[in-house]
Amino acid sequence: SEGGSASVVFLNAGQGYFVQELPFVLKLKKFHIEHYSTGMPKLFA
């Protein structure tokens, strides 16, 4: 979410999952999205 951060990702493994440690912390500052006139997504970053 905007303002959220993570230092792990989850890997699907059949009936369960693994937690993969990252060598850094990733934080989302802002999410941008643009739409066509129909409302369909045009660009997201």
All heavy atoms as atom14 arrays in JSON, in Angstrom:
{
  "sequence": "SEGGSASVVFLNAGQGYFVQELPFVLKLKKFHIEHYSTGMPKLFA",
  "atom14_mask": [
    [1, 1, 1, 1, 1, 1, 0, 0, 0, 0, 0, 0, 0, 0],
    [1, 1, 1, 1, 1, 1, 1, 1, 1, 0, 0, 0, 0, 0],
    [1, 1, 1, 1, 0, 0, 0, 0, 0, 0, 0, 0, 0, 0],
    [1, 1, 1, 1, 0, 0, 0, 0, 0, 0, 0, 0, 0, 0],
    [1, 1, 1, 1, 1, 1, 0, 0, 0, 0, 0, 0, 0, 0],
    [1, 1, 1, 1, 1, 0, 0, 0, 0, 0, 0, 0, 0, 0],
    [1, 1, 1, 1, 1, 1, 0, 0, 0, 0, 0, 0, 0, 0],
    [1, 1, 1, 1, 1, 1, 1, 0, 0, 0, 0, 0, 0, 0],
    [1, 1, 1, 1, 1, 1, 1, 0, 0, 0, 0, 0, 0, 0],
    [1, 1, 1, 1, 1, 1, 1, 1, 1, 1, 1, 0, 0, 0],
    [1, 1, 1, 1, 1, 1, 1, 1, 0, 0, 0, 0, 0, 0],
    [1, 1, 1, 1, 1, 1, 1, 1, 0, 0, 0, 0, 0, 0],
    [1, 1, 1, 1, 1, 0, 0, 0, 0, 0, 0, 0, 0, 0],
    [1, 1, 1, 1, 0, 0, 0, 0, 0, 0, 0, 0, 0, 0],
    [1, 1, 1, 1, 1, 1, 1, 1, 1, 0, 0, 0, 0, 0],
    [1, 1, 1, 1, 0, 0, 0, 0, 0, 0, 0, 0, 0, 0],
    [1, 1, 1, 1, 1, 1, 1, 1, 1, 1, 1, 1, 0, 0],
    [1, 1, 1, 1, 1, 1, 1, 1, 1, 1, 1, 0, 0, 0],
    [1, 1, 1, 1, 1, 1, 1, 0, 0, 0, 0, 0, 0, 0],
    [1, 1, 1, 1, 1, 1, 1, 1, 1, 0, 0, 0, 0, 0],
    [1, 1, 1, 1, 1, 1, 1, 1, 1, 0, 0, 0, 0, 0],
    [1, 1, 1, 1, 1, 1, 1, 1, 0, 0, 0, 0, 0, 0],
    [1, 1, 1, 1, 1, 1, 1, 0, 0, 0, 0, 0, 0, 0],
    [1, 1, 1, 1, 1, 1, 1, 1, 1, 1, 1, 0, 0, 0],
    [1, 1, 1, 1, 1, 1, 1, 0, 0, 0, 0, 0, 0, 0],
    [1, 1, 1, 1, 1, 1, 1, 1, 0, 0, 0, 0, 0, 0],
    [1, 1, 1, 1, 1, 1, 1, 1, 1, 0, 0, 0, 0, 0],
    [1, 1, 1, 1, 1, 1, 1, 1, 0, 0, 0, 0, 0, 0],
    [1, 1, 1, 1, 1, 1, 1, 1, 1, 0, 0, 0, 0, 0],
    [1, 1, 1, 1, 1, 1, 1, 1, 1, 0, 0, 0, 0, 0],
    [1, 1, 1, 1, 1, 1, 1, 1, 1, 1, 1, 0, 0, 0],
    [1, 1, 1, 1, 1, 1, 1, 1, 1, 1, 0, 0, 0, 0],
    [1, 1, 1, 1, 1, 1, 1, 1, 0, 0, 0, 0, 0, 0],
    [1, 1, 1, 1, 1, 1, 1, 1, 1, 0, 0, 0, 0, 0],
    [1, 1, 1, 1, 1, 1, 1, 1, 1, 1, 0, 0, 0, 0],
    [1, 1, 1, 1, 1, 1, 1, 1, 1, 1, 1, 1, 0, 0],
    [1, 1, 1, 1, 1, 1, 0, 0, 0, 0, 0, 0, 0, 0],
    [1, 1, 1, 1, 1, 1, 1, 0, 0, 0, 0, 0, 0, 0],
    [1, 1, 1, 1, 0, 0, 0, 0, 0, 0, 0, 0, 0, 0],
    [1, 1, 1, 1, 1, 1, 1, 1, 0, 0, 0, 0, 0, 0],
    [1, 1, 1, 1, 1, 1, 1, 0, 0, 0, 0, 0, 0, 0],
    [1, 1, 1, 1, 1, 1, 1, 1, 1, 0, 0, 0, 0, 0],
    [1, 1, 1, 1, 1, 1, 1, 1, 0, 0, 0, 0, 0, 0],
    [1, 1, 1, 1, 1, 1, 1, 1, 1, 1, 1, 0, 0, 0],
    [1, 1, 1, 1, 1, 0, 0, 0, 0, 0, 0, 0, 0, 0]
  ],
  "atom14_positions": [
    [[0.85, -1.18, 0.0], [0.0, 0.0, 0.0], [0.89, 1.24, 0.0], [2.08, 1.18, 0.35], [-0.91, 0.01, 1.23], [-1.72, -1.15, 1.26], [0.0, 0.0, 0.0], [0.0, 0.0, 0.0], [0.0, 0.0, 0.0], [0.0, 0.0, 0.0], [0.0, 0.0, 0.0], [0.0, 0.0, 0.0], [0.0, 0.0, 0.0], [0.0, 0.0, 0.0]],
    [[0.34, 2.36, -0.41], [1.11, 3.6, -0.41], [1.61, 3.89, 1.0], [0.83, 3.91, 1.96], [0.27, 4.76, -0.94], [-0.03, 4.64, -2.42], [-0.91, 5.77, -2.94], [-1.79, 6.22, -2.17], [-0.74, 6.18, -4.09], [0.0, 0.0, 0.0], [0.0, 0.0, 0.0], [0.0, 0.0, 0.0], [0.0, 0.0, 0.0], [0.0, 0.0, 0.0]],
    [[2.91, 4.06, 1.11], [3.52, 4.26, 2.41], [4.0, 2.98, 3.06], [4.71, 3.03, 4.07], [0.0, 0.0, 0.0], [0.0, 0.0, 0.0], [0.0, 0.0, 0.0], [0.0, 0.0, 0.0], [0.0, 0.0, 0.0], [0.0, 0.0, 0.0], [0.0, 0.0, 0.0], [0.0, 0.0, 0.0], [0.0, 0.0, 0.0], [0.0, 0.0, 0.0]],
    [[3.65, 1.83, 2.5], [4.05, 0.54, 3.06], [5.41, 0.11, 2.55], [5.92, 0.6, 1.53], [0.0, 0.0, 0.0], [0.0, 0.0, 0.0], [0.0, 0.0, 0.0], [0.0, 0.0, 0.0], [0.0, 0.0, 0.0], [0.0, 0.0, 0.0], [0.0, 0.0, 0.0], [0.0, 0.0, 0.0], [0.0, 0.0, 0.0], [0.0, 0.0, 0.0]],
    [[6.05, -0.82, 3.26], [7.37, -1.3, 2.88], [7.45, -2.8, 3.15], [6.63, -3.37, 3.88], [8.46, -0.57, 3.66], [8.31, -0.79, 5.06], [0.0, 0.0, 0.0], [0.0, 0.0, 0.0], [0.0, 0.0, 0.0], [0.0, 0.0, 0.0], [0.0, 0.0, 0.0], [0.0, 0.0, 0.0], [0.0, 0.0, 0.0], [0.0, 0.0, 0.0]],
    [[8.45, -3.45, 2.57], [8.64, -4.88, 2.73], [10.11, -5.22, 2.55], [10.81, -4.61, 1.74], [7.79, -5.66, 1.73], [0.0, 0.0, 0.0], [0.0, 0.0, 0.0], [0.0, 0.0, 0.0], [0.0, 0.0, 0.0], [0.0, 0.0, 0.0], [0.0, 0.0, 0.0], [0.0, 0.0, 0.0], [0.0, 0.0, 0.0], [0.0, 0.0, 0.0]],
    [[10.57, -6.21, 3.31], [11.93, -6.72, 3.17], [11.92, -8.21, 2.83], [12.96, -8.86, 2.86], [12.72, -6.5, 4.46], [12.08, -7.16, 5.55], [0.0, 0.0, 0.0], [0.0, 0.0, 0.0], [0.0, 0.0, 0.0], [0.0, 0.0, 0.0], [0.0, 0.0, 0.0], [0.0, 0.0, 0.0], [0.0, 0.0, 0.0], [0.0, 0.0, 0.0]],
    [[10.73, -8.75, 2.54], [10.6, -10.15, 2.15], [9.57, -10.25, 1.03], [8.75, -9.35, 0.83], [10.15, -11.05, 3.33], [11.16, -11.03, 4.46], [8.77, -10.64, 3.82], [0.0, 0.0, 0.0], [0.0, 0.0, 0.0], [0.0, 0.0, 0.0], [0.0, 0.0, 0.0], [0.0, 0.0, 0.0], [0.0, 0.0, 0.0], [0.0, 0.0, 0.0]],
    [[9.64, -11.35, 0.31], [8.6, -11.69, -0.67], [8.19, -13.13, -0.39], [8.91, -13.89, 0.26], [9.07, -11.53, -2.13], [9.35, -10.09, -2.45], [10.3, -12.4, -2.4], [0.0, 0.0, 0.0], [0.0, 0.0, 0.0], [0.0, 0.0, 0.0], [0.0, 0.0, 0.0], [0.0, 0.0, 0.0], [0.0, 0.0, 0.0], [0.0, 0.0, 0.0]],
    [[7.05, -13.49, -0.9], [6.51, -14.83, -0.67], [6.58, -15.64, -1.97], [6.19, -15.15, -3.03], [5.07, -14.74, -0.17], [4.95, -14.11, 1.19], [4.78, -12.74, 1.32], [5.02, -14.88, 2.34], [4.69, -12.15, 2.57], [4.92, -14.3, 3.59], [4.76, -12.93, 3.71], [0.0, 0.0, 0.0], [0.0, 0.0, 0.0], [0.0, 0.0, 0.0]],
    [[7.08, -16.85, -1.84], [7.2, -17.76, -2.98], [6.2, -18.89, -2.81], [6.23, -19.6, -1.79], [8.62, -18.35, -3.06], [9.8, -17.39, -2.9], [11.11, -18.15, -3.06], [9.72, -16.26, -3.91], [0.0, 0.0, 0.0], [0.0, 0.0, 0.0], [0.0, 0.0, 0.0], [0.0, 0.0, 0.0], [0.0, 0.0, 0.0], [0.0, 0.0, 0.0]],
    [[5.3, -19.04, -3.78], [4.36, -20.15, -3.73], [5.11, -21.47, -3.85], [6.01, -21.62, -4.69], [3.33, -20.03, -4.87], [2.34, -18.91, -4.61], [1.99, -18.63, -3.47], [1.89, -18.25, -5.67], [0.0, 0.0, 0.0], [0.0, 0.0, 0.0], [0.0, 0.0, 0.0], [0.0, 0.0, 0.0], [0.0, 0.0, 0.0], [0.0, 0.0, 0.0]],
    [[4.74, -22.43, -3.02], [5.39, -23.74, -3.03], [4.35, -24.81, -2.79], [4.21, -25.33, -1.68], [6.49, -23.8, -1.97], [0.0, 0.0, 0.0], [0.0, 0.0, 0.0], [0.0, 0.0, 0.0], [0.0, 0.0, 0.0], [0.0, 0.0, 0.0], [0.0, 0.0, 0.0], [0.0, 0.0, 0.0], [0.0, 0.0, 0.0], [0.0, 0.0, 0.0]],
    [[3.59, -25.12, -3.82], [2.58, -26.16, -3.71], [1.48, -25.78, -2.74], [0.82, -24.76, -2.88], [0.0, 0.0, 0.0], [0.0, 0.0, 0.0], [0.0, 0.0, 0.0], [0.0, 0.0, 0.0], [0.0, 0.0, 0.0], [0.0, 0.0, 0.0], [0.0, 0.0, 0.0], [0.0, 0.0, 0.0], [0.0, 0.0, 0.0], [0.0, 0.0, 0.0]],
    [[1.31, -26.58, -1.7], [0.27, -26.32, -0.72], [0.65, -25.22, 0.27], [-0.17, -24.82, 1.09], [-0.04, -27.62, 0.07], [-0.45, -28.79, -0.8], [-1.89, -28.69, -1.29], [-2.56, -27.68, -1.06], [-2.37, -29.72, -1.96], [0.0, 0.0, 0.0], [0.0, 0.0, 0.0], [0.0, 0.0, 0.0], [0.0, 0.0, 0.0], [0.0, 0.0, 0.0]],
    [[1.89, -24.76, 0.22], [2.35, -23.75, 1.17], [3.14, -22.65, 0.48], [2.93, -22.34, -0.69], [0.0, 0.0, 0.0], [0.0, 0.0, 0.0], [0.0, 0.0, 0.0], [0.0, 0.0, 0.0], [0.0, 0.0, 0.0], [0.0, 0.0, 0.0], [0.0, 0.0, 0.0], [0.0, 0.0, 0.0], [0.0, 0.0, 0.0], [0.0, 0.0, 0.0]],
    [[4.09, -22.1, 1.23], [4.87, -20.98, 0.71], [6.19, -20.88, 1.48], [6.34, -21.4, 2.59], [4.1, -19.67, 0.85], [3.7, -19.32, 2.27], [4.53, -18.57, 3.09], [2.49, -19.78, 2.8], [4.18, -18.28, 4.4], [2.13, -19.48, 4.11], [2.97, -18.74, 4.9], [2.63, -18.45, 6.19], [0.0, 0.0, 0.0], [0.0, 0.0, 0.0]],
    [[7.17, -20.21, 0.85], [8.42, -19.85, 1.49], [8.49, -18.34, 1.63], [7.91, -17.6, 0.82], [9.62, -20.34, 0.68], [9.85, -21.83, 0.73], [9.48, -22.63, -0.34], [10.42, -22.41, 1.84], [9.69, -24.0, -0.3], [10.62, -23.78, 1.9], [10.26, -24.57, 0.83], [0.0, 0.0, 0.0], [0.0, 0.0, 0.0], [0.0, 0.0, 0.0]],
    [[9.21, -17.9, 2.64], [9.48, -16.47, 2.81], [10.91, -16.21, 2.35], [11.86, -16.77, 2.91], [9.3, -16.03, 4.28], [9.73, -14.59, 4.45], [7.85, -16.19, 4.68], [0.0, 0.0, 0.0], [0.0, 0.0, 0.0], [0.0, 0.0, 0.0], [0.0, 0.0, 0.0], [0.0, 0.0, 0.0], [0.0, 0.0, 0.0], [0.0, 0.0, 0.0]],
    [[11.04, -15.4, 1.32], [12.35, -15.08, 0.76], [12.83, -13.74, 1.31], [12.2, -12.7, 1.1], [12.28, -15.02, -0.77], [13.53, -14.51, -1.44], [14.71, -15.43, -1.23], [14.66, -16.59, -1.59], [15.79, -14.9, -0.66], [0.0, 0.0, 0.0], [0.0, 0.0, 0.0], [0.0, 0.0, 0.0], [0.0, 0.0, 0.0], [0.0, 0.0, 0.0]],
    [[13.94, -13.77, 2.04], [14.52, -12.53, 2.56], [15.13, -11.72, 1.41], [15.72, -12.29, 0.48], [15.61, -12.86, 3.58], [15.14, -13.72, 4.75], [14.39, -12.93, 5.78], [14.3, -11.7, 5.64], [13.87, -13.54, 6.74], [0.0, 0.0, 0.0], [0.0, 0.0, 0.0], [0.0, 0.0, 0.0], [0.0, 0.0, 0.0], [0.0, 0.0, 0.0]],
    [[14.97, -10.41, 1.48], [15.56, -9.52, 0.49], [16.78, -8.83, 1.08], [16.85, -8.61, 2.3], [14.54, -8.46, 0.05], [13.27, -8.97, -0.64], [12.33, -7.81, -0.92], [13.62, -9.7, -1.93], [0.0, 0.0, 0.0], [0.0, 0.0, 0.0], [0.0, 0.0, 0.0], [0.0, 0.0, 0.0], [0.0, 0.0, 0.0], [0.0, 0.0, 0.0]],
    [[17.75, -8.45, 0.25], [18.93, -7.73, 0.75], [18.69, -6.24, 0.94], [19.63, -5.48, 1.15], [19.98, -7.99, -0.34], [19.19, -8.16, -1.58], [17.89, -8.82, -1.17], [0.0, 0.0, 0.0], [0.0, 0.0, 0.0], [0.0, 0.0, 0.0], [0.0, 0.0, 0.0], [0.0, 0.0, 0.0], [0.0, 0.0, 0.0], [0.0, 0.0, 0.0]],
    [[17.42, -5.8, 0.87], [17.08, -4.39, 1.01], [15.64, -4.27, 1.47], [14.92, -5.26, 1.58], [17.29, -3.66, -0.33], [16.61, -4.33, -1.49], [15.24, -4.2, -1.71], [17.34, -5.12, -2.37], [14.61, -4.83, -2.77], [16.72, -5.75, -3.45], [15.36, -5.61, -3.64], [0.0, 0.0, 0.0], [0.0, 0.0, 0.0], [0.0, 0.0, 0.0]],
    [[15.21, -3.05, 1.73], [13.83, -2.75, 2.08], [13.22, -1.93, 0.95], [13.78, -0.9, 0.55], [13.74, -1.98, 3.41], [12.28, -1.62, 3.72], [14.33, -2.79, 4.55], [0.0, 0.0, 0.0], [0.0, 0.0, 0.0], [0.0, 0.0, 0.0], [0.0, 0.0, 0.0], [0.0, 0.0, 0.0], [0.0, 0.0, 0.0], [0.0, 0.0, 0.0]],
    [[12.1, -2.38, 0.44], [11.4, -1.7, -0.64], [10.2, -0.96, -0.08], [9.36, -1.56, 0.61], [10.95, -2.71, -1.71], [10.15, -2.15, -2.89], [11.02, -1.23, -3.74], [9.59, -3.29, -3.74], [0.0, 0.0, 0.0], [0.0, 0.0, 0.0], [0.0, 0.0, 0.0], [0.0, 0.0, 0.0], [0.0, 0.0, 0.0], [0.0, 0.0, 0.0]],
    [[10.09, 0.34, -0.36], [8.98, 1.16, 0.14], [8.28, 1.83, -1.03], [8.92, 2.4, -1.92], [9.49, 2.23, 1.11], [8.39, 3.11, 1.67], [8.93, 4.14, 2.65], [7.81, 5.03, 3.21], [8.32, 6.03, 4.17], [0.0, 0.0, 0.0], [0.0, 0.0, 0.0], [0.0, 0.0, 0.0], [0.0, 0.0, 0.0], [0.0, 0.0, 0.0]],
    [[6.94, 1.75, -1.03], [6.13, 2.41, -2.05], [5.74, 3.81, -1.57], [5.04, 3.95, -0.57], [4.87, 1.59, -2.34], [3.86, 2.23, -3.31], [4.48, 2.4, -4.7], [2.58, 1.4, -3.4], [0.0, 0.0, 0.0], [0.0, 0.0, 0.0], [0.0, 0.0, 0.0], [0.0, 0.0, 0.0], [0.0, 0.0, 0.0], [0.0, 0.0, 0.0]],
    [[6.22, 4.82, -2.28], [5.88, 6.2, -1.93], [4.53, 6.61, -2.53], [3.65, 7.1, -1.83], [6.96, 7.16, -2.43], [8.29, 7.04, -1.73], [9.19, 8.21, -2.06], [9.5, 8.26, -3.56], [10.44, 9.34, -3.89], [0.0, 0.0, 0.0], [0.0, 0.0, 0.0], [0.0, 0.0, 0.0], [0.0, 0.0, 0.0], [0.0, 0.0, 0.0]],
    [[4.38, 6.38, -3.83], [3.17, 6.83, -4.52], [2.92, 5.94, -5.72], [3.86, 5.52, -6.4], [3.34, 8.29, -4.98], [2.1, 8.91, -5.59], [1.04, 9.21, -4.55], [-0.15, 9.94, -5.15], [-1.22, 10.16, -4.16], [0.0, 0.0, 0.0], [0.0, 0.0, 0.0], [0.0, 0.0, 0.0], [0.0, 0.0, 0.0], [0.0, 0.0, 0.0]],
    [[1.65, 5.63, -5.95], [1.26, 4.86, -7.12], [0.51, 5.77, -8.08], [-0.37, 6.53, -7.67], [0.39, 3.67, -6.73], [-0.06, 2.84, -7.91], [0.81, 1.98, -8.53], [-1.34, 2.96, -8.41], [0.42, 1.23, -9.62], [-1.75, 2.22, -9.5], [-0.87, 1.34, -10.11], [0.0, 0.0, 0.0], [0.0, 0.0, 0.0], [0.0, 0.0, 0.0]],
    [[0.87, 5.69, -9.35], [0.25, 6.54, -10.38], [-0.48, 5.66, -11.39], [0.02, 4.59, -11.77], [1.3, 7.36, -11.12], [2.2, 8.15, -10.23], [1.86, 9.38, -9.7], [3.44, 7.88, -9.75], [2.84, 9.83, -8.95], [3.82, 8.94, -8.95], [0.0, 0.0, 0.0], [0.0, 0.0, 0.0], [0.0, 0.0, 0.0], [0.0, 0.0, 0.0]],
    [[-1.64, 6.13, -11.81], [-2.38, 5.41, -12.85], [-3.08, 6.42, -13.75], [-3.61, 7.42, -13.28], [-3.4, 4.41, -12.24], [-4.09, 3.61, -13.33], [-4.4, 5.12, -11.35], [-4.9, 2.44, -12.81], [0.0, 0.0, 0.0], [0.0, 0.0, 0.0], [0.0, 0.0, 0.0], [0.0, 0.0, 0.0], [0.0, 0.0, 0.0], [0.0, 0.0, 0.0]],
    [[-3.01, 6.15, -15.05], [-3.7, 6.97, -16.04], [-4.68, 6.07, -16.8], [-4.42, 4.88, -16.99], [-2.71, 7.61, -17.02], [-1.74, 8.57, -16.35], [-0.75, 9.17, -17.35], [-0.94, 8.94, -18.57], [0.21, 9.84, -16.91], [0.0, 0.0, 0.0], [0.0, 0.0, 0.0], [0.0, 0.0, 0.0], [0.0, 0.0, 0.0], [0.0, 0.0, 0.0]],
    [[-5.78, 6.67, -17.23], [-6.82, 5.9, -17.9], [-7.15, 6.5, -19.27], [-6.98, 7.7, -19.5], [-8.12, 5.86, -17.07], [-7.96, 5.16, -15.76], [-7.49, 5.77, -14.62], [-8.23, 3.86, -15.39], [-7.47, 4.92, -13.62], [-7.92, 3.75, -14.07], [0.0, 0.0, 0.0], [0.0, 0.0, 0.0], [0.0, 0.0, 0.0], [0.0, 0.0, 0.0]],
    [[-7.6, 5.63, -20.16], [-8.17, 6.1, -21.41], [-9.55, 6.69, -21.14], [-10.08, 6.59, -20.02], [-8.29, 4.94, -22.41], [-6.96, 4.42, -22.91], [-6.44, 3.22, -22.42], [-6.23, 5.11, -23.87], [-5.22, 2.73, -22.87], [-5.0, 4.62, -24.33], [-4.52, 3.45, -23.83], [-3.31, 2.97, -24.27], [0.0, 0.0, 0.0], [0.0, 0.0, 0.0]],
    [[-10.13, 7.27, -22.15], [-11.45, 7.89, -21.99], [-12.52, 6.85, -21.62], [-13.53, 7.19, -21.0], [-11.86, 8.62, -23.28], [-11.86, 7.72, -24.38], [0.0, 0.0, 0.0], [0.0, 0.0, 0.0], [0.0, 0.0, 0.0], [0.0, 0.0, 0.0], [0.0, 0.0, 0.0], [0.0, 0.0, 0.0], [0.0, 0.0, 0.0], [0.0, 0.0, 0.0]],
    [[-12.28, 5.6, -21.99], [-13.23, 4.54, -21.65], [-13.09, 4.08, -20.2], [-13.92, 3.34, -19.71], [-13.01, 3.32, -22.56], [-11.67, 2.84, -22.39], [-13.23, 3.69, -24.02], [0.0, 0.0, 0.0], [0.0, 0.0, 0.0], [0.0, 0.0, 0.0], [0.0, 0.0, 0.0], [0.0, 0.0, 0.0], [0.0, 0.0, 0.0], [0.0, 0.0, 0.0]],
    [[-12.02, 4.51, -19.54], [-11.77, 4.07, -18.19], [-10.76, 2.95, -18.09], [-10.35, 2.57, -16.99], [0.0, 0.0, 0.0], [0.0, 0.0, 0.0], [0.0, 0.0, 0.0], [0.0, 0.0, 0.0], [0.0, 0.0, 0.0], [0.0, 0.0, 0.0], [0.0, 0.0, 0.0], [0.0, 0.0, 0.0], [0.0, 0.0, 0.0], [0.0, 0.0, 0.0]],
    [[-10.34, 2.38, -19.23], [-9.35, 1.31, -19.2], [-7.99, 1.87, -18.8], [-7.64, 3.0, -19.16], [-9.24, 0.66, -20.59], [-10.5, -0.06, -21.03], [-10.81, -1.55, -20.06], [-9.57, -2.64, -20.73], [0.0, 0.0, 0.0], [0.0, 0.0, 0.0], [0.0, 0.0, 0.0], [0.0, 0.0, 0.0], [0.0, 0.0, 0.0], [0.0, 0.0, 0.0]],
    [[-7.2, 1.1, -18.03], [-5.87, 1.59, -17.62], [-4.98, 1.85, -18.83], [-4.89, 1.03, -19.74], [-5.33, 0.45, -16.75], [-6.53, -0.31, -16.31], [-7.52, -0.19, -17.42], [0.0, 0.0, 0.0], [0.0, 0.0, 0.0], [0.0, 0.0, 0.0], [0.0, 0.0, 0.0], [0.0, 0.0, 0.0], [0.0, 0.0, 0.0], [0.0, 0.0, 0.0]],
    [[-4.33, 3.0, -18.82], [-3.42, 3.39, -19.88], [-1.98, 3.24, -19.45], [-1.13, 2.78, -20.22], [-3.7, 4.84, -20.28], [-2.8, 5.4, -21.35], [-3.17, 6.85, -21.64], [-2.29, 7.45, -22.73], [-2.62, 8.88, -22.97], [0.0, 0.0, 0.0], [0.0, 0.0, 0.0], [0.0, 0.0, 0.0], [0.0, 0.0, 0.0], [0.0, 0.0, 0.0]],
    [[-1.68, 3.64, -18.24], [-0.32, 3.57, -17.71], [-0.39, 3.47, -16.2], [-1.21, 4.16, -15.57], [0.5, 4.79, -18.14], [1.95, 4.9, -17.63], [2.83, 5.55, -18.68], [1.99, 5.75, -16.33], [0.0, 0.0, 0.0], [0.0, 0.0, 0.0], [0.0, 0.0, 0.0], [0.0, 0.0, 0.0], [0.0, 0.0, 0.0], [0.0, 0.0, 0.0]],
    [[0.43, 2.63, -15.61], [0.54, 2.64, -14.16], [2.0, 2.45, -13.77], [2.75, 1.7, -14.41], [-0.37, 1.61, -13.48], [-0.32, 0.22, -14.03], [0.46, -0.74, -13.43], [-1.1, -0.14, -15.13], [0.48, -2.04, -13.91], [-1.08, -1.44, -15.62], [-0.29, -2.38, -15.0], [0.0, 0.0, 0.0], [0.0, 0.0, 0.0], [0.0, 0.0, 0.0]],
    [[2.4, 3.19, -12.74], [3.79, 3.21, -12.32], [3.85, 3.45, -10.82], [2.89, 3.95, -10.2], [4.57, 4.28, -13.08], [0.0, 0.0, 0.0], [0.0, 0.0, 0.0], [0.0, 0.0, 0.0], [0.0, 0.0, 0.0], [0.0, 0.0, 0.0], [0.0, 0.0, 0.0], [0.0, 0.0, 0.0], [0.0, 0.0, 0.0], [0.0, 0.0, 0.0]]
  ]
}
